[in-house]
Amino acid sequence: MKRIILLLAAVAILLGIWWFFIRKPATHPHAQKEEAIKSGKHSQAFNESILKGITSYLSMKDAFVQGDSGVIKSHCRAFISTMDSVNLDDLKMDSSLIYITAKQEVSDIKSNASAILLETSLTEMRQDFRMVSENLYPFLKLIGYEGPKLYWKNCPNAFGETLEGTWLSNTAVSTNPYYNKNDHSGKTGSANCGDIKDSL
């Protein structure tokens, strides 16, 4: 998480240096306005590839809610495949540093998702899913996600008293992917634990 914060801080500093000291403002007002409109917009192909990744992620999240490890792994494989096919070339138009950082984020996302496939314990799979989510959220912020609305949710006691769990959802209603419905230890209310912390 510290590495992500440092990378995002470096991106912000470099963009600030470029904006104030390197870039040359357009001399023609019409040309400057067109550039502002163009800036930050991704191609339809790029947005569709990101949306496929999000759809696979949400299917995997729903499988965690159900607690079926076989279905989880099936959706996880689909998620890794969609993340493999994301073409980040659109980001080169924004900044080479954003492009490089996004490539690293995708690599981290796939690495943590691949770990899910190696686990036999549902609890360990959920820990890896937590890491996938912790990488996916800043990746979407970094690239300027342009798809349907998503909610960034948090359950402060997802893994007991000391470890929270976060995830992305396409609905404001909370269905906690970290809740173990087969745990009969007397815990109550955990299935709906999840406060909205942000939206994209």
N, C-alpha and C. Protein backbone atom coordinates (compact mmCIF):
# COMPACT_ATOMS: atom_id res chain seq x y z
N MET A 1 0.83 -1.19 0.00
CA MET A 1 0.00 0.00 0.00
C MET A 1 0.87 1.26 0.00
N LYS A 2 2.01 1.19 0.77
CA LYS A 2 2.92 2.33 0.81
C LYS A 2 3.50 2.59 -0.57
N ARG A 3 3.80 1.49 -1.31
CA ARG A 3 4.37 1.65 -2.65
C ARG A 3 3.37 2.36 -3.56
N ILE A 4 2.10 2.02 -3.44
CA ILE A 4 1.06 2.64 -4.26
C ILE A 4 0.99 4.13 -3.97
N ILE A 5 1.01 4.49 -2.68
CA ILE A 5 0.93 5.90 -2.27
C ILE A 5 2.13 6.65 -2.81
N LEU A 6 3.33 6.04 -2.69
CA LEU A 6 4.54 6.70 -3.19
C LEU A 6 4.49 6.89 -4.70
N LEU A 7 4.01 5.87 -5.43
CA LEU A 7 3.90 5.98 -6.88
C LEU A 7 2.91 7.07 -7.28
N LEU A 8 1.78 7.13 -6.59
CA LEU A 8 0.78 8.15 -6.92
C LEU A 8 1.31 9.55 -6.59
N ALA A 9 2.07 9.66 -5.48
CA ALA A 9 2.67 10.95 -5.12
C ALA A 9 3.69 11.37 -6.19
N ALA A 10 4.49 10.40 -6.68
CA ALA A 10 5.47 10.70 -7.72
C ALA A 10 4.78 11.15 -9.00
N VAL A 11 3.68 10.49 -9.35
CA VAL A 11 2.90 10.88 -10.54
C VAL A 11 2.41 12.31 -10.39
N ALA A 12 1.87 12.64 -9.22
CA ALA A 12 1.33 13.98 -8.99
C ALA A 12 2.43 15.04 -9.09
N ILE A 13 3.60 14.75 -8.52
CA ILE A 13 4.71 15.70 -8.56
C ILE A 13 5.18 15.92 -9.99
N LEU A 14 5.37 14.81 -10.74
CA LEU A 14 5.83 14.93 -12.12
C LEU A 14 4.82 15.66 -13.00
N LEU A 15 3.55 15.38 -12.78
CA LEU A 15 2.52 16.10 -13.55
C LEU A 15 2.54 17.59 -13.21
N GLY A 16 2.75 17.91 -11.94
CA GLY A 16 2.83 19.32 -11.53
C GLY A 16 4.01 20.03 -12.16
N ILE A 17 5.18 19.36 -12.17
CA ILE A 17 6.36 19.94 -12.80
C ILE A 17 6.11 20.17 -14.28
N TRP A 18 5.54 19.14 -14.93
CA TRP A 18 5.26 19.29 -16.36
C TRP A 18 4.29 20.45 -16.62
N TRP A 19 3.23 20.53 -15.83
CA TRP A 19 2.18 21.53 -16.04
C TRP A 19 2.72 22.95 -15.88
N PHE A 20 3.52 23.17 -14.83
CA PHE A 20 3.95 24.54 -14.54
C PHE A 20 5.26 24.95 -15.21
N PHE A 21 6.13 23.99 -15.57
CA PHE A 21 7.45 24.38 -16.06
C PHE A 21 7.78 23.91 -17.48
N ILE A 22 7.16 22.83 -17.95
CA ILE A 22 7.59 22.25 -19.22
C ILE A 22 6.59 22.51 -20.34
N ARG A 23 5.32 22.32 -20.08
CA ARG A 23 4.32 22.43 -21.15
C ARG A 23 4.29 23.83 -21.73
N LYS A 24 3.94 23.89 -23.01
CA LYS A 24 3.81 25.17 -23.69
C LYS A 24 2.35 25.38 -24.01
N PRO A 25 1.74 26.40 -23.43
CA PRO A 25 0.32 26.64 -23.70
C PRO A 25 0.09 26.98 -25.17
N ALA A 26 -1.03 26.54 -25.67
CA ALA A 26 -1.39 26.83 -27.06
C ALA A 26 -1.63 28.32 -27.22
N THR A 27 -1.21 28.86 -28.35
CA THR A 27 -1.37 30.29 -28.58
C THR A 27 -2.75 30.62 -29.15
N HIS A 28 -3.37 29.64 -29.77
CA HIS A 28 -4.69 29.87 -30.37
C HIS A 28 -5.75 29.36 -29.39
N PRO A 29 -6.68 30.23 -28.92
CA PRO A 29 -7.66 29.82 -27.91
C PRO A 29 -8.50 28.62 -28.35
N HIS A 30 -8.85 28.54 -29.64
CA HIS A 30 -9.67 27.43 -30.14
C HIS A 30 -8.91 26.11 -30.01
N ALA A 31 -7.64 26.12 -30.36
CA ALA A 31 -6.82 24.90 -30.27
C ALA A 31 -6.69 24.45 -28.81
N GLN A 32 -6.55 25.40 -27.89
CA GLN A 32 -6.42 25.06 -26.48
C GLN A 32 -7.72 24.42 -25.97
N LYS A 33 -8.85 24.93 -26.39
CA LYS A 33 -10.13 24.38 -25.95
C LYS A 33 -10.31 22.96 -26.47
N GLU A 34 -9.95 22.70 -27.72
CA GLU A 34 -10.06 21.35 -28.28
C GLU A 34 -9.19 20.37 -27.50
N GLU A 35 -7.98 20.78 -27.12
CA GLU A 35 -7.08 19.90 -26.38
C GLU A 35 -7.69 19.55 -25.03
N ALA A 36 -8.32 20.50 -24.36
CA ALA A 36 -8.93 20.25 -23.06
C ALA A 36 -10.08 19.26 -23.18
N ILE A 37 -10.84 19.35 -24.25
CA ILE A 37 -11.95 18.41 -24.46
C ILE A 37 -11.42 17.01 -24.70
N LYS A 38 -10.34 16.90 -25.47
CA LYS A 38 -9.77 15.60 -25.81
C LYS A 38 -9.11 14.94 -24.60
N SER A 39 -8.51 15.73 -23.74
CA SER A 39 -7.74 15.22 -22.62
C SER A 39 -8.58 14.37 -21.68
N GLY A 40 -8.04 13.22 -21.27
CA GLY A 40 -8.69 12.37 -20.27
C GLY A 40 -9.73 11.42 -20.83
N LYS A 41 -10.02 11.47 -22.11
CA LYS A 41 -11.00 10.56 -22.70
C LYS A 41 -10.29 9.36 -23.28
N HIS A 42 -10.82 8.19 -22.99
CA HIS A 42 -10.23 6.96 -23.48
C HIS A 42 -11.04 6.44 -24.67
N SER A 43 -10.42 5.58 -25.44
CA SER A 43 -11.11 4.99 -26.58
C SER A 43 -12.18 4.02 -26.10
N GLN A 44 -13.14 3.76 -26.97
CA GLN A 44 -14.20 2.81 -26.63
C GLN A 44 -13.62 1.43 -26.36
N ALA A 45 -12.62 1.03 -27.14
CA ALA A 45 -11.99 -0.29 -26.95
C ALA A 45 -11.34 -0.38 -25.57
N PHE A 46 -10.67 0.69 -25.17
CA PHE A 46 -10.04 0.71 -23.85
C PHE A 46 -11.08 0.57 -22.75
N ASN A 47 -12.13 1.40 -22.82
CA ASN A 47 -13.18 1.36 -21.80
C ASN A 47 -13.88 0.01 -21.76
N GLU A 48 -14.09 -0.60 -22.91
CA GLU A 48 -14.73 -1.92 -22.95
C GLU A 48 -13.85 -2.99 -22.30
N SER A 49 -12.54 -2.90 -22.51
CA SER A 49 -11.64 -3.89 -21.91
C SER A 49 -11.60 -3.72 -20.39
N ILE A 50 -11.64 -2.49 -19.93
CA ILE A 50 -11.68 -2.25 -18.47
C ILE A 50 -12.99 -2.77 -17.90
N LEU A 51 -14.10 -2.52 -18.60
CA LEU A 51 -15.41 -2.97 -18.13
C LEU A 51 -15.48 -4.49 -18.05
N LYS A 52 -14.86 -5.19 -19.01
CA LYS A 52 -14.82 -6.66 -18.94
C LYS A 52 -14.09 -7.12 -17.68
N GLY A 53 -13.00 -6.44 -17.36
CA GLY A 53 -12.26 -6.77 -16.14
C GLY A 53 -13.11 -6.53 -14.90
N ILE A 54 -13.83 -5.41 -14.86
CA ILE A 54 -14.68 -5.09 -13.72
C ILE A 54 -15.80 -6.12 -13.59
N THR A 55 -16.40 -6.49 -14.71
CA THR A 55 -17.49 -7.47 -14.70
C THR A 55 -17.00 -8.81 -14.13
N SER A 56 -15.81 -9.23 -14.54
CA SER A 56 -15.23 -10.48 -14.01
C SER A 56 -14.92 -10.35 -12.53
N TYR A 57 -14.40 -9.20 -12.13
CA TYR A 57 -14.11 -8.96 -10.71
C TYR A 57 -15.40 -9.05 -9.88
N LEU A 58 -16.47 -8.41 -10.36
CA LEU A 58 -17.74 -8.42 -9.62
C LEU A 58 -18.32 -9.83 -9.53
N SER A 59 -18.15 -10.62 -10.58
CA SER A 59 -18.60 -12.03 -10.53
C SER A 59 -17.81 -12.80 -9.49
N MET A 60 -16.52 -12.54 -9.40
CA MET A 60 -15.69 -13.19 -8.40
C MET A 60 -16.10 -12.74 -7.00
N LYS A 61 -16.38 -11.45 -6.85
CA LYS A 61 -16.84 -10.93 -5.55
C LYS A 61 -18.12 -11.61 -5.13
N ASP A 62 -19.06 -11.77 -6.05
CA ASP A 62 -20.33 -12.43 -5.74
C ASP A 62 -20.12 -13.90 -5.36
N ALA A 63 -19.13 -14.54 -6.00
CA ALA A 63 -18.81 -15.93 -5.65
C ALA A 63 -18.25 -16.01 -4.23
N PHE A 64 -17.49 -15.00 -3.83
CA PHE A 64 -17.00 -14.96 -2.44
C PHE A 64 -18.16 -14.81 -1.46
N VAL A 65 -19.17 -14.03 -1.84
CA VAL A 65 -20.36 -13.87 -0.99
C VAL A 65 -21.01 -15.23 -0.77
N GLN A 66 -21.07 -16.05 -1.82
CA GLN A 66 -21.68 -17.38 -1.72
C GLN A 66 -20.75 -18.38 -1.02
N GLY A 67 -19.45 -18.13 -1.03
CA GLY A 67 -18.50 -18.99 -0.34
C GLY A 67 -18.19 -20.30 -1.03
N ASP A 68 -18.35 -20.35 -2.37
CA ASP A 68 -18.08 -21.57 -3.13
C ASP A 68 -16.71 -21.44 -3.78
N SER A 69 -15.71 -22.17 -3.26
CA SER A 69 -14.33 -22.00 -3.73
C SER A 69 -14.16 -22.41 -5.19
N GLY A 70 -14.91 -23.41 -5.66
CA GLY A 70 -14.81 -23.82 -7.06
C GLY A 70 -15.29 -22.72 -8.00
N VAL A 71 -16.41 -22.10 -7.66
CA VAL A 71 -16.95 -21.00 -8.48
C VAL A 71 -16.03 -19.78 -8.38
N ILE A 72 -15.49 -19.54 -7.20
CA ILE A 72 -14.55 -18.42 -7.01
C ILE A 72 -13.37 -18.58 -7.97
N LYS A 73 -12.78 -19.78 -7.99
CA LYS A 73 -11.61 -20.00 -8.83
C LYS A 73 -11.95 -19.89 -10.31
N SER A 74 -13.13 -20.32 -10.70
CA SER A 74 -13.56 -20.20 -12.09
C SER A 74 -13.64 -18.73 -12.50
N HIS A 75 -14.28 -17.91 -11.65
CA HIS A 75 -14.39 -16.48 -11.95
C HIS A 75 -13.03 -15.78 -11.84
N CYS A 76 -12.18 -16.27 -10.96
CA CYS A 76 -10.84 -15.70 -10.82
C CYS A 76 -10.04 -15.91 -12.10
N ARG A 77 -10.12 -17.10 -12.69
CA ARG A 77 -9.43 -17.37 -13.96
C ARG A 77 -9.93 -16.42 -15.06
N ALA A 78 -11.23 -16.21 -15.10
CA ALA A 78 -11.81 -15.29 -16.10
C ALA A 78 -11.31 -13.87 -15.86
N PHE A 79 -11.23 -13.48 -14.59
CA PHE A 79 -10.74 -12.14 -14.24
C PHE A 79 -9.30 -11.95 -14.69
N ILE A 80 -8.44 -12.93 -14.41
CA ILE A 80 -7.03 -12.83 -14.82
C ILE A 80 -6.94 -12.73 -16.34
N SER A 81 -7.75 -13.51 -17.04
CA SER A 81 -7.75 -13.48 -18.50
C SER A 81 -8.15 -12.10 -19.03
N THR A 82 -9.17 -11.49 -18.44
CA THR A 82 -9.60 -10.16 -18.90
C THR A 82 -8.55 -9.10 -18.58
N MET A 83 -7.88 -9.23 -17.43
CA MET A 83 -6.83 -8.26 -17.10
C MET A 83 -5.63 -8.43 -18.02
N ASP A 84 -5.39 -9.65 -18.46
CA ASP A 84 -4.31 -9.91 -19.44
C ASP A 84 -4.58 -9.20 -20.76
N SER A 85 -5.85 -9.06 -21.11
CA SER A 85 -6.19 -8.50 -22.42
C SER A 85 -6.41 -6.98 -22.40
N VAL A 86 -6.25 -6.36 -21.23
CA VAL A 86 -6.39 -4.90 -21.16
C VAL A 86 -5.21 -4.26 -21.88
N ASN A 87 -5.52 -3.41 -22.85
CA ASN A 87 -4.48 -2.71 -23.61
C ASN A 87 -4.37 -1.29 -23.05
N LEU A 88 -3.25 -1.00 -22.42
CA LEU A 88 -3.08 0.28 -21.73
C LEU A 88 -2.51 1.37 -22.63
N ASP A 89 -2.42 1.13 -23.94
CA ASP A 89 -1.78 2.10 -24.83
C ASP A 89 -2.45 3.47 -24.80
N ASP A 90 -3.74 3.52 -24.52
CA ASP A 90 -4.43 4.82 -24.41
C ASP A 90 -3.75 5.74 -23.40
N LEU A 91 -3.17 5.14 -22.36
CA LEU A 91 -2.59 5.93 -21.28
C LEU A 91 -1.29 6.61 -21.69
N LYS A 92 -0.67 6.15 -22.77
CA LYS A 92 0.57 6.78 -23.23
C LYS A 92 0.31 8.22 -23.65
N MET A 93 -0.92 8.52 -24.06
CA MET A 93 -1.27 9.89 -24.47
C MET A 93 -1.36 10.81 -23.26
N ASP A 94 -1.66 10.24 -22.07
CA ASP A 94 -1.74 11.05 -20.87
C ASP A 94 -0.34 11.33 -20.32
N SER A 95 0.40 10.26 -20.04
CA SER A 95 1.73 10.41 -19.45
C SER A 95 2.41 9.05 -19.46
N SER A 96 3.69 9.05 -19.77
CA SER A 96 4.41 7.77 -19.75
C SER A 96 4.51 7.24 -18.33
N LEU A 97 4.56 8.12 -17.34
CA LEU A 97 4.63 7.66 -15.94
C LEU A 97 3.32 7.01 -15.52
N ILE A 98 2.18 7.57 -15.95
CA ILE A 98 0.89 6.95 -15.66
C ILE A 98 0.82 5.58 -16.33
N TYR A 99 1.30 5.50 -17.55
CA TYR A 99 1.30 4.23 -18.29
C TYR A 99 2.13 3.17 -17.55
N ILE A 100 3.34 3.55 -17.14
CA ILE A 100 4.23 2.61 -16.43
C ILE A 100 3.63 2.19 -15.10
N THR A 101 3.07 3.15 -14.36
CA THR A 101 2.46 2.84 -13.07
C THR A 101 1.25 1.92 -13.25
N ALA A 102 0.44 2.18 -14.27
CA ALA A 102 -0.74 1.34 -14.53
C ALA A 102 -0.32 -0.08 -14.89
N LYS A 103 0.75 -0.22 -15.69
CA LYS A 103 1.24 -1.56 -16.03
C LYS A 103 1.67 -2.32 -14.78
N GLN A 104 2.33 -1.63 -13.84
CA GLN A 104 2.75 -2.27 -12.60
C GLN A 104 1.54 -2.67 -11.77
N GLU A 105 0.52 -1.80 -11.75
CA GLU A 105 -0.71 -2.11 -11.00
C GLU A 105 -1.38 -3.37 -11.56
N VAL A 106 -1.47 -3.46 -12.87
CA VAL A 106 -2.08 -4.64 -13.50
C VAL A 106 -1.29 -5.89 -13.15
N SER A 107 0.02 -5.78 -13.15
CA SER A 107 0.87 -6.92 -12.78
C SER A 107 0.61 -7.36 -11.34
N ASP A 108 0.48 -6.39 -10.42
CA ASP A 108 0.18 -6.70 -9.01
C ASP A 108 -1.20 -7.33 -8.86
N ILE A 109 -2.16 -6.79 -9.60
CA ILE A 109 -3.53 -7.33 -9.55
C ILE A 109 -3.53 -8.79 -9.98
N LYS A 110 -2.88 -9.09 -11.10
CA LYS A 110 -2.85 -10.46 -11.61
C LYS A 110 -2.09 -11.39 -10.67
N SER A 111 -1.03 -10.89 -10.06
CA SER A 111 -0.24 -11.69 -9.12
C SER A 111 -1.08 -12.09 -7.91
N ASN A 112 -1.81 -11.14 -7.35
CA ASN A 112 -2.66 -11.45 -6.19
C ASN A 112 -3.84 -12.33 -6.57
N ALA A 113 -4.37 -12.13 -7.78
CA ALA A 113 -5.47 -13.00 -8.23
C ALA A 113 -4.96 -14.42 -8.46
N SER A 114 -3.76 -14.56 -9.00
CA SER A 114 -3.19 -15.88 -9.23
C SER A 114 -2.99 -16.64 -7.92
N ALA A 115 -2.71 -15.91 -6.84
CA ALA A 115 -2.54 -16.54 -5.53
C ALA A 115 -3.83 -17.20 -5.06
N ILE A 116 -4.98 -16.63 -5.45
CA ILE A 116 -6.28 -17.21 -5.08
C ILE A 116 -6.38 -18.64 -5.61
N LEU A 117 -5.89 -18.83 -6.82
CA LEU A 117 -5.99 -20.15 -7.47
C LEU A 117 -5.16 -21.21 -6.76
N LEU A 118 -4.17 -20.80 -6.00
CA LEU A 118 -3.29 -21.76 -5.32
C LEU A 118 -3.76 -22.13 -3.92
N GLU A 119 -4.73 -21.39 -3.40
CA GLU A 119 -5.18 -21.61 -2.02
C GLU A 119 -6.27 -22.68 -1.95
N THR A 120 -6.30 -23.36 -0.81
CA THR A 120 -7.39 -24.32 -0.53
C THR A 120 -8.29 -23.78 0.58
N SER A 121 -7.76 -22.88 1.39
CA SER A 121 -8.52 -22.28 2.49
C SER A 121 -9.31 -21.07 1.98
N LEU A 122 -10.60 -21.05 2.24
CA LEU A 122 -11.44 -19.93 1.83
C LEU A 122 -10.99 -18.63 2.51
N THR A 123 -10.55 -18.73 3.75
CA THR A 123 -10.07 -17.54 4.47
C THR A 123 -8.84 -16.96 3.77
N GLU A 124 -7.91 -17.82 3.35
CA GLU A 124 -6.72 -17.34 2.64
C GLU A 124 -7.09 -16.78 1.28
N MET A 125 -8.05 -17.40 0.62
CA MET A 125 -8.52 -16.88 -0.67
C MET A 125 -9.11 -15.48 -0.49
N ARG A 126 -9.83 -15.29 0.59
CA ARG A 126 -10.41 -13.96 0.87
C ARG A 126 -9.31 -12.93 1.15
N GLN A 127 -8.24 -13.35 1.81
CA GLN A 127 -7.12 -12.43 2.04
C GLN A 127 -6.52 -11.99 0.71
N ASP A 128 -6.36 -12.94 -0.22
CA ASP A 128 -5.82 -12.59 -1.54
C ASP A 128 -6.79 -11.70 -2.31
N PHE A 129 -8.09 -11.96 -2.17
CA PHE A 129 -9.09 -11.12 -2.83
C PHE A 129 -9.03 -9.69 -2.28
N ARG A 130 -8.78 -9.58 -0.98
CA ARG A 130 -8.62 -8.25 -0.36
C ARG A 130 -7.47 -7.51 -1.04
N MET A 131 -6.36 -8.21 -1.31
CA MET A 131 -5.22 -7.58 -1.96
C MET A 131 -5.51 -7.22 -3.42
N VAL A 132 -6.28 -8.08 -4.11
CA VAL A 132 -6.71 -7.74 -5.48
C VAL A 132 -7.49 -6.43 -5.45
N SER A 133 -8.42 -6.32 -4.50
CA SER A 133 -9.25 -5.12 -4.39
C SER A 133 -8.40 -3.90 -4.05
N GLU A 134 -7.43 -4.07 -3.15
CA GLU A 134 -6.55 -2.97 -2.75
C GLU A 134 -5.70 -2.47 -3.91
N ASN A 135 -5.44 -3.32 -4.90
CA ASN A 135 -4.71 -2.90 -6.10
C ASN A 135 -5.64 -2.36 -7.18
N LEU A 136 -6.81 -2.95 -7.31
CA LEU A 136 -7.74 -2.57 -8.39
C LEU A 136 -8.29 -1.16 -8.19
N TYR A 137 -8.62 -0.81 -6.96
CA TYR A 137 -9.20 0.51 -6.68
C TYR A 137 -8.27 1.65 -7.10
N PRO A 138 -7.00 1.67 -6.64
CA PRO A 138 -6.12 2.77 -7.09
C PRO A 138 -5.81 2.73 -8.58
N PHE A 139 -5.81 1.52 -9.16
CA PHE A 139 -5.62 1.41 -10.62
C PHE A 139 -6.73 2.15 -11.36
N LEU A 140 -7.98 1.93 -10.94
CA LEU A 140 -9.11 2.59 -11.59
C LEU A 140 -9.07 4.11 -11.39
N LYS A 141 -8.63 4.54 -10.21
CA LYS A 141 -8.48 5.99 -9.96
C LYS A 141 -7.39 6.56 -10.87
N LEU A 142 -6.28 5.84 -10.98
CA LEU A 142 -5.15 6.30 -11.76
C LEU A 142 -5.50 6.48 -13.23
N ILE A 143 -6.22 5.52 -13.80
CA ILE A 143 -6.51 5.57 -15.24
C ILE A 143 -7.67 6.48 -15.58
N GLY A 144 -8.38 6.98 -14.57
CA GLY A 144 -9.55 7.82 -14.85
C GLY A 144 -10.71 6.98 -15.35
N TYR A 145 -11.11 6.00 -14.54
CA TYR A 145 -12.20 5.07 -14.89
C TYR A 145 -13.42 5.81 -15.41
N GLU A 146 -13.97 5.35 -16.53
CA GLU A 146 -15.10 6.02 -17.19
C GLU A 146 -16.32 5.11 -17.34
N GLY A 147 -16.38 4.02 -16.60
CA GLY A 147 -17.48 3.08 -16.74
C GLY A 147 -18.63 3.35 -15.78
N PRO A 148 -19.54 2.38 -15.65
CA PRO A 148 -20.68 2.51 -14.73
C PRO A 148 -20.22 2.72 -13.30
N LYS A 149 -21.06 3.33 -12.50
CA LYS A 149 -20.70 3.71 -11.13
C LYS A 149 -20.31 2.50 -10.29
N LEU A 150 -19.23 2.67 -9.53
CA LEU A 150 -18.76 1.65 -8.60
C LEU A 150 -18.63 2.27 -7.22
N TYR A 151 -18.81 1.44 -6.19
CA TYR A 151 -18.68 1.88 -4.81
C TYR A 151 -17.48 1.18 -4.16
N TRP A 152 -16.67 1.95 -3.45
CA TRP A 152 -15.54 1.41 -2.70
C TRP A 152 -16.02 1.21 -1.27
N LYS A 153 -16.06 -0.06 -0.83
CA LYS A 153 -16.66 -0.39 0.46
C LYS A 153 -15.63 -0.94 1.44
N ASN A 154 -15.96 -0.80 2.71
CA ASN A 154 -15.06 -1.22 3.77
C ASN A 154 -15.83 -1.88 4.90
N CYS A 155 -15.33 -3.04 5.32
CA CYS A 155 -15.84 -3.69 6.54
C CYS A 155 -14.68 -3.68 7.54
N PRO A 156 -14.78 -2.91 8.62
CA PRO A 156 -13.64 -2.72 9.52
C PRO A 156 -13.20 -3.98 10.26
N ASN A 157 -14.08 -4.96 10.40
CA ASN A 157 -13.72 -6.18 11.14
C ASN A 157 -13.91 -7.42 10.26
N ALA A 158 -13.56 -7.31 8.99
CA ALA A 158 -13.77 -8.41 8.04
C ALA A 158 -12.99 -9.66 8.44
N PHE A 159 -11.81 -9.47 9.02
CA PHE A 159 -10.96 -10.59 9.41
C PHE A 159 -10.71 -10.56 10.92
N GLY A 160 -11.74 -10.26 11.67
CA GLY A 160 -11.59 -10.16 13.12
C GLY A 160 -11.50 -8.71 13.55
N GLU A 161 -11.05 -8.51 14.77
CA GLU A 161 -11.04 -7.16 15.35
C GLU A 161 -9.99 -6.25 14.72
N THR A 162 -8.93 -6.82 14.15
CA THR A 162 -7.80 -5.99 13.77
C THR A 162 -7.59 -5.78 12.28
N LEU A 163 -8.28 -6.51 11.43
CA LEU A 163 -8.01 -6.40 10.00
C LEU A 163 -9.28 -6.16 9.20
N GLU A 164 -9.27 -5.04 8.48
CA GLU A 164 -10.43 -4.67 7.67
C GLU A 164 -10.38 -5.35 6.31
N GLY A 165 -11.49 -5.29 5.61
CA GLY A 165 -11.57 -5.78 4.25
C GLY A 165 -12.26 -4.75 3.39
N THR A 166 -11.73 -4.52 2.19
CA THR A 166 -12.32 -3.54 1.28
C THR A 166 -12.60 -4.24 -0.05
N TRP A 167 -13.55 -3.68 -0.80
CA TRP A 167 -13.91 -4.25 -2.10
C TRP A 167 -14.69 -3.24 -2.92
N LEU A 168 -14.79 -3.52 -4.20
CA LEU A 168 -15.59 -2.70 -5.11
C LEU A 168 -16.92 -3.39 -5.36
N SER A 169 -17.98 -2.58 -5.47
CA SER A 169 -19.31 -3.11 -5.73
C SER A 169 -20.02 -2.20 -6.72
N ASN A 170 -20.95 -2.77 -7.46
CA ASN A 170 -21.74 -1.96 -8.39
C ASN A 170 -23.09 -1.58 -7.81
N THR A 171 -23.27 -1.84 -6.53
CA THR A 171 -24.51 -1.48 -5.85
C THR A 171 -24.22 -0.90 -4.47
N ALA A 172 -25.06 0.01 -4.03
CA ALA A 172 -24.87 0.61 -2.70
C ALA A 172 -25.21 -0.37 -1.58
N VAL A 173 -25.99 -1.39 -1.90
CA VAL A 173 -26.36 -2.41 -0.89
C VAL A 173 -25.14 -3.28 -0.62
N SER A 174 -24.83 -3.50 0.65
CA SER A 174 -23.64 -4.27 0.99
C SER A 174 -23.91 -5.76 1.10
N THR A 175 -23.16 -6.52 0.34
CA THR A 175 -23.08 -7.97 0.51
C THR A 175 -21.59 -8.26 0.68
N ASN A 176 -21.21 -8.62 1.87
CA ASN A 176 -19.83 -8.71 2.29
C ASN A 176 -19.15 -9.99 1.76
N PRO A 177 -18.15 -9.85 0.88
CA PRO A 177 -17.47 -11.03 0.35
C PRO A 177 -16.56 -11.71 1.37
N TYR A 178 -16.35 -11.06 2.51
CA TYR A 178 -15.47 -11.62 3.55
C TYR A 178 -16.25 -12.35 4.64
N TYR A 179 -17.55 -12.30 4.56
CA TYR A 179 -18.39 -12.96 5.57
C TYR A 179 -18.42 -14.46 5.31
N ASN A 180 -18.18 -15.22 6.35
CA ASN A 180 -18.20 -16.68 6.24
C ASN A 180 -19.53 -17.19 6.76
N LYS A 181 -20.44 -17.51 5.85
CA LYS A 181 -21.79 -17.93 6.26
C LYS A 181 -21.78 -19.28 6.96
N ASN A 182 -20.69 -20.04 6.83
CA ASN A 182 -20.60 -21.34 7.50
C ASN A 182 -19.94 -21.26 8.87
N ASP A 183 -19.59 -20.03 9.29
CA ASP A 183 -18.98 -19.84 10.61
C ASP A 183 -20.09 -19.73 11.65
N HIS A 184 -20.13 -20.67 12.56
CA HIS A 184 -21.19 -20.69 13.58
C HIS A 184 -20.65 -20.26 14.94
N SER A 185 -19.75 -19.29 14.93
CA SER A 185 -19.11 -18.86 16.17
C SER A 185 -19.97 -17.86 16.94
N GLY A 186 -21.13 -17.52 16.39
CA GLY A 186 -22.02 -16.61 17.10
C GLY A 186 -21.95 -15.18 16.62
N LYS A 187 -21.14 -14.89 15.61
CA LYS A 187 -21.06 -13.53 15.07
C LYS A 187 -22.39 -13.19 14.40
N THR A 188 -22.81 -11.96 14.52
CA THR A 188 -24.05 -11.54 13.87
C THR A 188 -23.82 -10.26 13.08
N GLY A 189 -24.59 -10.09 12.03
CA GLY A 189 -24.57 -8.84 11.27
C GLY A 189 -23.42 -8.69 10.30
N SER A 190 -22.48 -9.62 10.25
CA SER A 190 -21.30 -9.46 9.40
C SER A 190 -21.63 -9.55 7.91
N ALA A 191 -22.69 -10.24 7.55
CA ALA A 191 -23.01 -10.43 6.13
C ALA A 191 -23.26 -9.10 5.44
N ASN A 192 -23.79 -8.13 6.14
CA ASN A 192 -24.11 -6.83 5.55
C ASN A 192 -23.13 -5.74 5.95
N CYS A 193 -22.02 -6.13 6.59
CA CYS A 193 -21.00 -5.15 6.99
C CYS A 193 -20.38 -4.57 5.73
N GLY A 194 -20.35 -3.25 5.64
CA GLY A 194 -19.73 -2.60 4.49
C GLY A 194 -20.20 -1.17 4.34
N ASP A 195 -19.35 -0.23 4.72
CA ASP A 195 -19.65 1.19 4.56
C ASP A 195 -19.06 1.70 3.27
N ILE A 196 -19.78 2.58 2.57
CA ILE A 196 -19.28 3.19 1.34
C ILE A 196 -18.26 4.26 1.72
N LYS A 197 -17.04 4.10 1.21
CA LYS A 197 -15.96 5.05 1.50
C LYS A 197 -15.69 5.98 0.32
N ASP A 198 -16.07 5.56 -0.88
CA ASP A 198 -15.82 6.36 -2.07
C ASP A 198 -16.66 5.80 -3.21
N SER A 199 -16.74 6.52 -4.30
CA SER A 199 -17.40 6.01 -5.49
C SER A 199 -16.62 6.45 -6.72
N LEU A 200 -16.73 5.67 -7.75
CA LEU A 200 -16.03 5.97 -9.02
C LEU A 200 -17.07 6.10 -10.13
